[in-house]
């Protein structure tokens, strides 16, 4: 039996749009919005680890935008 696992990912681009990092992660025992929020957090953690500054964040979930705004 196939079990869907909530997951999320994203892209980090530089100031000219060149891909710097692509990431994907599975989140056990999460609902969809929690997985989207955890994926955003994971991406931000990558940016902090690499000392990226001056970020512009885009997400495709209106609910997540409302939660973090």
Protein backbone atom coordinates (compact mmCIF):
# COMPACT_ATOMS: atom_id res chain seq x y z
CA UNK A 1 0.00 0.00 0.00
CA UNK A 2 1.31 3.45 -0.97
CA UNK A 3 1.35 6.06 1.78
CA UNK A 4 1.71 9.72 0.87
CA UNK A 5 4.24 11.56 2.98
CA UNK A 6 3.88 15.32 3.36
CA UNK A 7 6.85 17.01 1.76
CA UNK A 8 8.07 20.34 0.54
CA UNK A 9 10.94 21.98 -1.18
CA UNK A 10 12.15 25.10 -2.79
CA UNK A 11 14.76 26.98 -4.73
CA UNK A 12 17.23 29.63 -3.68
CA UNK A 13 18.38 31.98 -6.42
CA UNK A 14 20.89 34.78 -6.45
CA UNK A 15 20.19 38.40 -7.35
CA UNK A 16 20.18 37.66 -11.10
CA UNK A 17 17.99 34.58 -10.81
CA UNK A 18 20.72 31.93 -11.06
CA UNK A 19 19.93 28.76 -9.12
CA UNK A 20 22.13 28.44 -6.03
CA UNK A 21 20.36 25.72 -4.01
CA UNK A 22 17.46 23.36 -4.61
CA UNK A 23 16.06 21.43 -1.67
CA UNK A 24 13.42 18.83 -0.86
CA UNK A 25 12.45 17.30 2.46
CA UNK A 26 9.82 14.87 3.72
CA UNK A 27 8.03 15.63 6.97
CA UNK A 28 6.60 12.69 8.89
CA UNK A 29 3.30 13.12 10.68
CA UNK A 30 2.50 16.57 9.28
CA UNK A 31 -0.54 18.04 7.62
CA UNK A 32 -0.18 19.93 4.34
CA UNK A 33 0.09 23.46 5.75
CA UNK A 34 2.56 22.31 8.41
CA UNK A 35 4.70 20.65 5.73
CA UNK A 36 4.66 23.87 3.68
CA UNK A 37 5.68 25.90 6.74
CA UNK A 38 8.42 23.42 7.61
CA UNK A 39 9.71 23.54 4.02
CA UNK A 40 9.88 27.34 4.25
CA UNK A 41 11.70 27.08 7.57
CA UNK A 42 14.13 24.54 6.10
CA UNK A 43 14.89 26.89 3.21
CA UNK A 44 15.47 29.81 5.56
CA UNK A 45 17.79 27.65 7.66
CA UNK A 46 19.81 26.87 4.52
CA UNK A 47 20.07 30.60 3.82
CA UNK A 48 21.29 31.29 7.37
CA UNK A 49 23.84 28.44 7.20
CA UNK A 50 25.23 29.91 3.97
CA UNK A 51 25.15 33.48 5.32
CA UNK A 52 22.79 34.71 2.61
CA UNK A 53 21.48 38.20 3.27
CA UNK A 54 18.70 40.39 1.92
CA UNK A 55 16.17 37.69 1.09
CA UNK A 56 13.02 37.86 -0.98
CA UNK A 57 10.74 34.94 -0.13
CA UNK A 58 7.96 33.63 -2.35
CA UNK A 59 5.49 30.85 -1.51
CA UNK A 60 2.50 29.53 -3.41
CA UNK A 61 0.27 29.03 -0.37
CA UNK A 62 -2.02 31.95 0.46
CA UNK A 63 -2.75 30.36 3.84
CA UNK A 64 0.97 30.23 4.67
CA UNK A 65 1.43 33.87 3.60
CA UNK A 66 -1.40 34.87 5.95
CA UNK A 67 0.12 32.87 8.81
CA UNK A 68 3.58 34.44 8.53
CA UNK A 69 2.57 37.99 7.61
